[in-house]
All heavy atoms as atom14 arrays in JSON, in Angstrom:
{
  "sequence": "RHHVSGAKSDGADAKLLADLVRTDRHNHRRIAGDSPN",
  "atom14_mask": [
    [1, 1, 1, 1, 1, 1, 1, 1, 1, 1, 1, 0, 0, 0],
    [1, 1, 1, 1, 1, 1, 1, 1, 1, 1, 0, 0, 0, 0],
    [1, 1, 1, 1, 1, 1, 1, 1, 1, 1, 0, 0, 0, 0],
    [1, 1, 1, 1, 1, 1, 1, 0, 0, 0, 0, 0, 0, 0],
    [1, 1, 1, 1, 1, 1, 0, 0, 0, 0, 0, 0, 0, 0],
    [1, 1, 1, 1, 0, 0, 0, 0, 0, 0, 0, 0, 0, 0],
    [1, 1, 1, 1, 1, 0, 0, 0, 0, 0, 0, 0, 0, 0],
    [1, 1, 1, 1, 1, 1, 1, 1, 1, 0, 0, 0, 0, 0],
    [1, 1, 1, 1, 1, 1, 0, 0, 0, 0, 0, 0, 0, 0],
    [1, 1, 1, 1, 1, 1, 1, 1, 0, 0, 0, 0, 0, 0],
    [1, 1, 1, 1, 0, 0, 0, 0, 0, 0, 0, 0, 0, 0],
    [1, 1, 1, 1, 1, 0, 0, 0, 0, 0, 0, 0, 0, 0],
    [1, 1, 1, 1, 1, 1, 1, 1, 0, 0, 0, 0, 0, 0],
    [1, 1, 1, 1, 1, 0, 0, 0, 0, 0, 0, 0, 0, 0],
    [1, 1, 1, 1, 1, 1, 1, 1, 1, 0, 0, 0, 0, 0],
    [1, 1, 1, 1, 1, 1, 1, 1, 0, 0, 0, 0, 0, 0],
    [1, 1, 1, 1, 1, 1, 1, 1, 0, 0, 0, 0, 0, 0],
    [1, 1, 1, 1, 1, 0, 0, 0, 0, 0, 0, 0, 0, 0],
    [1, 1, 1, 1, 1, 1, 1, 1, 0, 0, 0, 0, 0, 0],
    [1, 1, 1, 1, 1, 1, 1, 1, 0, 0, 0, 0, 0, 0],
    [1, 1, 1, 1, 1, 1, 1, 0, 0, 0, 0, 0, 0, 0],
    [1, 1, 1, 1, 1, 1, 1, 1, 1, 1, 1, 0, 0, 0],
    [1, 1, 1, 1, 1, 1, 1, 0, 0, 0, 0, 0, 0, 0],
    [1, 1, 1, 1, 1, 1, 1, 1, 0, 0, 0, 0, 0, 0],
    [1, 1, 1, 1, 1, 1, 1, 1, 1, 1, 1, 0, 0, 0],
    [1, 1, 1, 1, 1, 1, 1, 1, 1, 1, 0, 0, 0, 0],
    [1, 1, 1, 1, 1, 1, 1, 1, 0, 0, 0, 0, 0, 0],
    [1, 1, 1, 1, 1, 1, 1, 1, 1, 1, 0, 0, 0, 0],
    [1, 1, 1, 1, 1, 1, 1, 1, 1, 1, 1, 0, 0, 0],
    [1, 1, 1, 1, 1, 1, 1, 1, 1, 1, 1, 0, 0, 0],
    [1, 1, 1, 1, 1, 1, 1, 1, 0, 0, 0, 0, 0, 0],
    [1, 1, 1, 1, 1, 0, 0, 0, 0, 0, 0, 0, 0, 0],
    [1, 1, 1, 1, 0, 0, 0, 0, 0, 0, 0, 0, 0, 0],
    [1, 1, 1, 1, 1, 1, 1, 1, 0, 0, 0, 0, 0, 0],
    [1, 1, 1, 1, 1, 1, 0, 0, 0, 0, 0, 0, 0, 0],
    [1, 1, 1, 1, 1, 1, 1, 0, 0, 0, 0, 0, 0, 0],
    [1, 1, 1, 1, 1, 1, 1, 1, 0, 0, 0, 0, 0, 0]
  ],
  "atom14_positions": [
    [[-11.38, 51.83, 30.04], [-10.44, 50.78, 30.41], [-9.3, 50.65, 29.41], [-8.17, 50.3, 29.76], [-11.2, 49.46, 30.52], [-10.42, 48.33, 31.18], [-11.34, 47.16, 31.44], [-11.28, 46.18, 30.37], [-12.12, 45.16, 30.25], [-13.1, 45.02, 31.11], [-12.0, 44.3, 29.26], [0.0, 0.0, 0.0], [0.0, 0.0, 0.0], [0.0, 0.0, 0.0]],
    [[-9.59, 50.96, 28.15], [-8.6, 50.76, 27.09], [-8.05, 52.05, 26.5], [-7.01, 52.03, 25.85], [-9.22, 49.91, 25.97], [-9.55, 48.51, 26.38], [-8.61, 47.52, 26.45], [-10.72, 47.94, 26.77], [-9.18, 46.39, 26.85], [-10.47, 46.62, 27.05], [0.0, 0.0, 0.0], [0.0, 0.0, 0.0], [0.0, 0.0, 0.0], [0.0, 0.0, 0.0]],
    [[-8.76, 53.15, 26.72], [-8.32, 54.42, 26.13], [-8.43, 55.51, 27.18], [-9.52, 55.77, 27.69], [-9.17, 54.78, 24.91], [-9.26, 53.69, 23.89], [-8.24, 53.4, 23.0], [-10.26, 52.79, 23.62], [-8.6, 52.38, 22.23], [-9.81, 51.99, 22.59], [0.0, 0.0, 0.0], [0.0, 0.0, 0.0], [0.0, 0.0, 0.0], [0.0, 0.0, 0.0]],
    [[-7.31, 56.15, 27.48], [-7.3, 57.18, 28.53], [-7.33, 58.59, 27.96], [-7.39, 59.55, 28.71], [-6.06, 57.02, 29.43], [-6.1, 55.69, 30.16], [-4.77, 57.14, 28.61], [0.0, 0.0, 0.0], [0.0, 0.0, 0.0], [0.0, 0.0, 0.0], [0.0, 0.0, 0.0], [0.0, 0.0, 0.0], [0.0, 0.0, 0.0], [0.0, 0.0, 0.0]],
    [[-7.28, 58.73, 26.65], [-7.22, 60.05, 26.04], [-8.55, 60.78, 26.08], [-8.62, 62.0, 25.99], [-6.76, 59.94, 24.58], [-7.74, 59.26, 23.8], [0.0, 0.0, 0.0], [0.0, 0.0, 0.0], [0.0, 0.0, 0.0], [0.0, 0.0, 0.0], [0.0, 0.0, 0.0], [0.0, 0.0, 0.0], [0.0, 0.0, 0.0], [0.0, 0.0, 0.0]],
    [[-9.66, 60.03, 26.19], [-10.98, 60.64, 26.18], [-11.55, 60.82, 24.78], [-12.65, 61.35, 24.62], [0.0, 0.0, 0.0], [0.0, 0.0, 0.0], [0.0, 0.0, 0.0], [0.0, 0.0, 0.0], [0.0, 0.0, 0.0], [0.0, 0.0, 0.0], [0.0, 0.0, 0.0], [0.0, 0.0, 0.0], [0.0, 0.0, 0.0], [0.0, 0.0, 0.0]],
    [[-10.81, 60.4, 23.76], [-11.29, 60.54, 22.38], [-12.49, 59.62, 22.14], [-12.59, 58.53, 22.7], [-10.17, 60.19, 21.41], [0.0, 0.0, 0.0], [0.0, 0.0, 0.0], [0.0, 0.0, 0.0], [0.0, 0.0, 0.0], [0.0, 0.0, 0.0], [0.0, 0.0, 0.0], [0.0, 0.0, 0.0], [0.0, 0.0, 0.0], [0.0, 0.0, 0.0]],
    [[-13.42, 60.09, 21.29], [-14.63, 59.33, 21.0], [-15.12, 59.66, 19.6], [-15.12, 60.81, 19.18], [-15.72, 59.66, 22.02], [-17.01, 58.86, 21.84], [-18.07, 59.31, 22.8], [-19.34, 58.47, 22.67], [-19.88, 58.45, 21.29], [0.0, 0.0, 0.0], [0.0, 0.0, 0.0], [0.0, 0.0, 0.0], [0.0, 0.0, 0.0], [0.0, 0.0, 0.0]],
    [[-15.53, 58.61, 18.87], [-16.13, 58.79, 17.55], [-17.06, 57.61, 17.3], [-16.93, 56.56, 17.95], [-15.07, 58.88, 16.45], [-14.41, 57.63, 16.29], [0.0, 0.0, 0.0], [0.0, 0.0, 0.0], [0.0, 0.0, 0.0], [0.0, 0.0, 0.0], [0.0, 0.0, 0.0], [0.0, 0.0, 0.0], [0.0, 0.0, 0.0], [0.0, 0.0, 0.0]],
    [[-17.99, 57.77, 16.35], [-18.93, 56.69, 16.06], [-18.21, 55.45, 15.54], [-18.52, 54.32, 15.93], [-19.96, 57.17, 15.04], [-20.87, 58.25, 15.61], [-20.93, 58.36, 16.85], [-21.5, 58.97, 14.82], [0.0, 0.0, 0.0], [0.0, 0.0, 0.0], [0.0, 0.0, 0.0], [0.0, 0.0, 0.0], [0.0, 0.0, 0.0], [0.0, 0.0, 0.0]],
    [[-17.24, 55.66, 14.65], [-16.5, 54.53, 14.11], [-15.71, 53.8, 15.18], [-15.66, 52.56, 15.22], [0.0, 0.0, 0.0], [0.0, 0.0, 0.0], [0.0, 0.0, 0.0], [0.0, 0.0, 0.0], [0.0, 0.0, 0.0], [0.0, 0.0, 0.0], [0.0, 0.0, 0.0], [0.0, 0.0, 0.0], [0.0, 0.0, 0.0], [0.0, 0.0, 0.0]],
    [[-15.09, 54.57, 16.08], [-14.32, 53.96, 17.17], [-15.24, 53.21, 18.12], [-14.88, 52.15, 18.65], [-13.54, 55.03, 17.91], [0.0, 0.0, 0.0], [0.0, 0.0, 0.0], [0.0, 0.0, 0.0], [0.0, 0.0, 0.0], [0.0, 0.0, 0.0], [0.0, 0.0, 0.0], [0.0, 0.0, 0.0], [0.0, 0.0, 0.0], [0.0, 0.0, 0.0]],
    [[-16.44, 53.74, 18.36], [-17.38, 53.05, 19.24], [-17.87, 51.74, 18.62], [-18.11, 50.76, 19.34], [-18.58, 53.96, 19.53], [-18.28, 54.98, 20.61], [-17.19, 54.9, 21.2], [-19.12, 55.88, 20.84], [0.0, 0.0, 0.0], [0.0, 0.0, 0.0], [0.0, 0.0, 0.0], [0.0, 0.0, 0.0], [0.0, 0.0, 0.0], [0.0, 0.0, 0.0]],
    [[-18.02, 51.7, 17.29], [-18.4, 50.45, 16.63], [-17.33, 49.39, 16.83], [-17.63, 48.22, 17.13], [-18.64, 50.7, 15.14], [0.0, 0.0, 0.0], [0.0, 0.0, 0.0], [0.0, 0.0, 0.0], [0.0, 0.0, 0.0], [0.0, 0.0, 0.0], [0.0, 0.0, 0.0], [0.0, 0.0, 0.0], [0.0, 0.0, 0.0], [0.0, 0.0, 0.0]],
    [[-16.06, 49.8, 16.68], [-14.96, 48.86, 16.92], [-14.95, 48.41, 18.38], [-14.72, 47.23, 18.69], [-13.64, 49.52, 16.57], [-12.42, 48.63, 16.82], [-11.12, 49.34, 16.5], [-9.93, 48.43, 16.8], [-8.63, 49.11, 16.54], [0.0, 0.0, 0.0], [0.0, 0.0, 0.0], [0.0, 0.0, 0.0], [0.0, 0.0, 0.0], [0.0, 0.0, 0.0]],
    [[-15.22, 49.36, 19.28], [-15.25, 49.04, 20.71], [-16.32, 48.01, 21.01], [-16.11, 47.06, 21.77], [-15.52, 50.33, 21.49], [-15.36, 50.25, 23.01], [-13.88, 50.22, 23.38], [-16.03, 51.45, 23.66], [0.0, 0.0, 0.0], [0.0, 0.0, 0.0], [0.0, 0.0, 0.0], [0.0, 0.0, 0.0], [0.0, 0.0, 0.0], [0.0, 0.0, 0.0]],
    [[-17.51, 48.16, 20.41], [-18.6, 47.22, 20.64], [-18.24, 45.83, 20.11], [-18.56, 44.82, 20.74], [-19.87, 47.73, 19.97], [-20.59, 48.88, 20.7], [-21.59, 49.55, 19.76], [-21.3, 48.35, 21.94], [0.0, 0.0, 0.0], [0.0, 0.0, 0.0], [0.0, 0.0, 0.0], [0.0, 0.0, 0.0], [0.0, 0.0, 0.0], [0.0, 0.0, 0.0]],
    [[-17.61, 45.79, 18.94], [-17.2, 44.5, 18.38], [-16.2, 43.81, 19.3], [-16.28, 42.6, 19.56], [-16.62, 44.69, 16.99], [0.0, 0.0, 0.0], [0.0, 0.0, 0.0], [0.0, 0.0, 0.0], [0.0, 0.0, 0.0], [0.0, 0.0, 0.0], [0.0, 0.0, 0.0], [0.0, 0.0, 0.0], [0.0, 0.0, 0.0], [0.0, 0.0, 0.0]],
    [[-15.24, 44.56, 19.81], [-14.22, 43.99, 20.69], [-14.83, 43.58, 22.03], [-14.43, 42.57, 22.62], [-13.11, 45.02, 20.91], [-11.82, 44.38, 21.38], [-11.46, 43.3, 20.87], [-11.17, 44.94, 22.28], [0.0, 0.0, 0.0], [0.0, 0.0, 0.0], [0.0, 0.0, 0.0], [0.0, 0.0, 0.0], [0.0, 0.0, 0.0], [0.0, 0.0, 0.0]],
    [[-15.81, 44.34, 22.48], [-16.46, 44.02, 23.76], [-17.19, 42.68, 23.69], [-17.04, 41.84, 24.59], [-17.42, 45.15, 24.13], [-17.99, 45.16, 25.55], [-18.36, 46.58, 25.96], [-19.22, 44.27, 25.67], [0.0, 0.0, 0.0], [0.0, 0.0, 0.0], [0.0, 0.0, 0.0], [0.0, 0.0, 0.0], [0.0, 0.0, 0.0], [0.0, 0.0, 0.0]],
    [[-17.96, 42.45, 22.62], [-18.67, 41.17, 22.52], [-17.71, 40.03, 22.19], [-18.02, 38.86, 22.45], [-19.82, 41.23, 21.49], [-20.91, 42.19, 21.96], [-19.33, 41.63, 20.11], [0.0, 0.0, 0.0], [0.0, 0.0, 0.0], [0.0, 0.0, 0.0], [0.0, 0.0, 0.0], [0.0, 0.0, 0.0], [0.0, 0.0, 0.0], [0.0, 0.0, 0.0]],
    [[-16.56, 40.35, 21.64], [-15.56, 39.31, 21.37], [-14.96, 38.79, 22.67], [-14.75, 37.58, 22.84], [-14.46, 39.86, 20.47], [-13.37, 38.84, 20.1], [-12.35, 39.44, 19.16], [-11.53, 40.44, 19.82], [-10.39, 40.19, 20.48], [-9.94, 38.94, 20.57], [-9.71, 41.17, 21.04], [0.0, 0.0, 0.0], [0.0, 0.0, 0.0], [0.0, 0.0, 0.0]],
    [[-14.7, 39.68, 23.61], [-13.99, 39.29, 24.84], [-14.88, 39.16, 26.07], [-14.6, 38.36, 26.97], [-12.88, 40.3, 25.14], [-13.46, 41.61, 25.33], [-11.88, 40.36, 24.0], [0.0, 0.0, 0.0], [0.0, 0.0, 0.0], [0.0, 0.0, 0.0], [0.0, 0.0, 0.0], [0.0, 0.0, 0.0], [0.0, 0.0, 0.0], [0.0, 0.0, 0.0]],
    [[-15.96, 39.97, 26.13], [-16.72, 40.05, 27.39], [-18.21, 39.75, 27.23], [-19.0, 40.12, 28.1], [-16.59, 41.47, 27.99], [-15.23, 41.71, 28.61], [-14.38, 40.83, 28.5], [-15.03, 42.79, 29.21], [0.0, 0.0, 0.0], [0.0, 0.0, 0.0], [0.0, 0.0, 0.0], [0.0, 0.0, 0.0], [0.0, 0.0, 0.0], [0.0, 0.0, 0.0]],
    [[-18.6, 39.09, 26.16], [-20.04, 38.92, 25.95], [-20.7, 38.07, 27.03], [-21.9, 38.16, 27.26], [-20.32, 38.33, 24.57], [-19.79, 36.92, 24.33], [-20.08, 36.49, 22.9], [-19.58, 35.16, 22.6], [-18.33, 34.88, 22.27], [-17.42, 35.86, 22.22], [-17.96, 33.64, 21.99], [0.0, 0.0, 0.0], [0.0, 0.0, 0.0], [0.0, 0.0, 0.0]],
    [[-19.92, 37.24, 27.71], [-20.49, 36.41, 28.77], [-20.98, 37.25, 29.95], [-21.75, 36.76, 30.78], [-19.44, 35.39, 29.27], [-18.19, 36.03, 29.8], [-17.2, 36.56, 28.98], [-17.77, 36.26, 31.08], [-16.22, 37.06, 29.72], [-16.55, 36.89, 31.0], [0.0, 0.0, 0.0], [0.0, 0.0, 0.0], [0.0, 0.0, 0.0], [0.0, 0.0, 0.0]],
    [[-20.56, 38.5, 30.02], [-21.01, 39.39, 31.1], [-22.21, 40.25, 30.71], [-22.63, 41.1, 31.49], [-19.86, 40.31, 31.52], [-18.74, 39.57, 32.23], [-19.02, 38.68, 33.03], [-17.5, 39.92, 31.94], [0.0, 0.0, 0.0], [0.0, 0.0, 0.0], [0.0, 0.0, 0.0], [0.0, 0.0, 0.0], [0.0, 0.0, 0.0], [0.0, 0.0, 0.0]],
    [[-22.73, 40.03, 29.5], [-23.82, 40.87, 29.01], [-25.01, 40.02, 28.57], [-24.91, 38.8, 28.44], [-23.32, 41.75, 27.86], [-22.24, 42.69, 28.28], [-22.48, 43.91, 28.88], [-20.88, 42.58, 28.21], [-21.34, 44.51, 29.15], [-20.36, 43.73, 28.76], [0.0, 0.0, 0.0], [0.0, 0.0, 0.0], [0.0, 0.0, 0.0], [0.0, 0.0, 0.0]],
    [[-26.12, 40.69, 28.38], [-27.39, 40.0, 28.13], [-27.66, 39.89, 26.63], [-27.68, 40.88, 25.91], [-28.54, 40.78, 28.81], [-29.91, 40.2, 28.58], [-30.95, 40.92, 29.43], [-30.98, 42.35, 29.17], [-31.73, 42.91, 28.22], [-32.51, 42.15, 27.46], [-31.72, 44.21, 28.05], [0.0, 0.0, 0.0], [0.0, 0.0, 0.0], [0.0, 0.0, 0.0]],
    [[-27.91, 38.66, 26.22], [-28.3, 38.44, 24.83], [-29.78, 38.81, 24.66], [-30.61, 38.53, 25.54], [-28.08, 36.98, 24.45], [-28.4, 36.67, 22.99], [-28.04, 35.24, 22.63], [-28.47, 34.9, 21.28], [-28.25, 33.73, 20.7], [-27.61, 32.78, 21.38], [-28.67, 33.5, 19.48], [0.0, 0.0, 0.0], [0.0, 0.0, 0.0], [0.0, 0.0, 0.0]],
    [[-30.09, 39.45, 23.57], [-31.47, 39.86, 23.32], [-32.35, 38.63, 23.17], [-32.02, 37.7, 22.44], [-31.56, 40.75, 22.07], [-30.87, 42.09, 22.33], [-33.01, 40.99, 21.67], [-30.86, 43.03, 21.16], [0.0, 0.0, 0.0], [0.0, 0.0, 0.0], [0.0, 0.0, 0.0], [0.0, 0.0, 0.0], [0.0, 0.0, 0.0], [0.0, 0.0, 0.0]],
    [[-33.45, 38.64, 23.9], [-34.33, 37.46, 23.95], [-35.11, 37.29, 22.65], [-35.42, 38.26, 21.96], [-35.3, 37.59, 25.12], [0.0, 0.0, 0.0], [0.0, 0.0, 0.0], [0.0, 0.0, 0.0], [0.0, 0.0, 0.0], [0.0, 0.0, 0.0], [0.0, 0.0, 0.0], [0.0, 0.0, 0.0], [0.0, 0.0, 0.0], [0.0, 0.0, 0.0]],
    [[-35.43, 36.03, 22.39], [-36.26, 35.72, 21.23], [-37.71, 35.6, 21.63], [-38.31, 34.52, 21.57], [0.0, 0.0, 0.0], [0.0, 0.0, 0.0], [0.0, 0.0, 0.0], [0.0, 0.0, 0.0], [0.0, 0.0, 0.0], [0.0, 0.0, 0.0], [0.0, 0.0, 0.0], [0.0, 0.0, 0.0], [0.0, 0.0, 0.0], [0.0, 0.0, 0.0]],
    [[-38.29, 36.72, 22.08], [-39.69, 36.69, 22.53], [-40.64, 36.54, 21.35], [-40.33, 36.95, 20.22], [-40.02, 37.97, 23.29], [-39.27, 38.09, 24.61], [-38.96, 37.03, 25.19], [-38.98, 39.22, 25.03], [0.0, 0.0, 0.0], [0.0, 0.0, 0.0], [0.0, 0.0, 0.0], [0.0, 0.0, 0.0], [0.0, 0.0, 0.0], [0.0, 0.0, 0.0]],
    [[-41.81, 36.0, 21.62], [-42.83, 35.82, 20.59], [-43.45, 37.17, 20.24], [-43.42, 38.11, 21.05], [-43.91, 34.87, 21.08], [-44.66, 35.48, 22.13], [0.0, 0.0, 0.0], [0.0, 0.0, 0.0], [0.0, 0.0, 0.0], [0.0, 0.0, 0.0], [0.0, 0.0, 0.0], [0.0, 0.0, 0.0], [0.0, 0.0, 0.0], [0.0, 0.0, 0.0]],
    [[-44.04, 37.29, 19.04], [-44.74, 38.54, 18.69], [-45.85, 38.89, 19.67], [-46.09, 40.07, 19.93], [-45.29, 38.24, 17.29], [-44.37, 37.2, 16.72], [-43.97, 36.36, 17.91], [0.0, 0.0, 0.0], [0.0, 0.0, 0.0], [0.0, 0.0, 0.0], [0.0, 0.0, 0.0], [0.0, 0.0, 0.0], [0.0, 0.0, 0.0], [0.0, 0.0, 0.0]],
    [[-46.51, 37.87, 20.22], [-47.57, 38.12, 21.2], [-47.01, 38.79, 22.45], [-47.58, 39.75, 22.98], [-48.25, 36.8, 21.56], [-49.54, 37.02, 22.35], [-49.92, 38.14, 22.66], [-50.21, 35.94, 22.68], [0.0, 0.0, 0.0], [0.0, 0.0, 0.0], [0.0, 0.0, 0.0], [0.0, 0.0, 0.0], [0.0, 0.0, 0.0], [0.0, 0.0, 0.0]]
  ]
}
């Protein structure tokens, strides 16, 4: 959606993930706080 060049790197993906949860986290699932049991 944001990059059409097809370039990919681990560092760029980390930035992408940070930006994704900054703008679109309401569309994703927060990890549950399940009990150890």
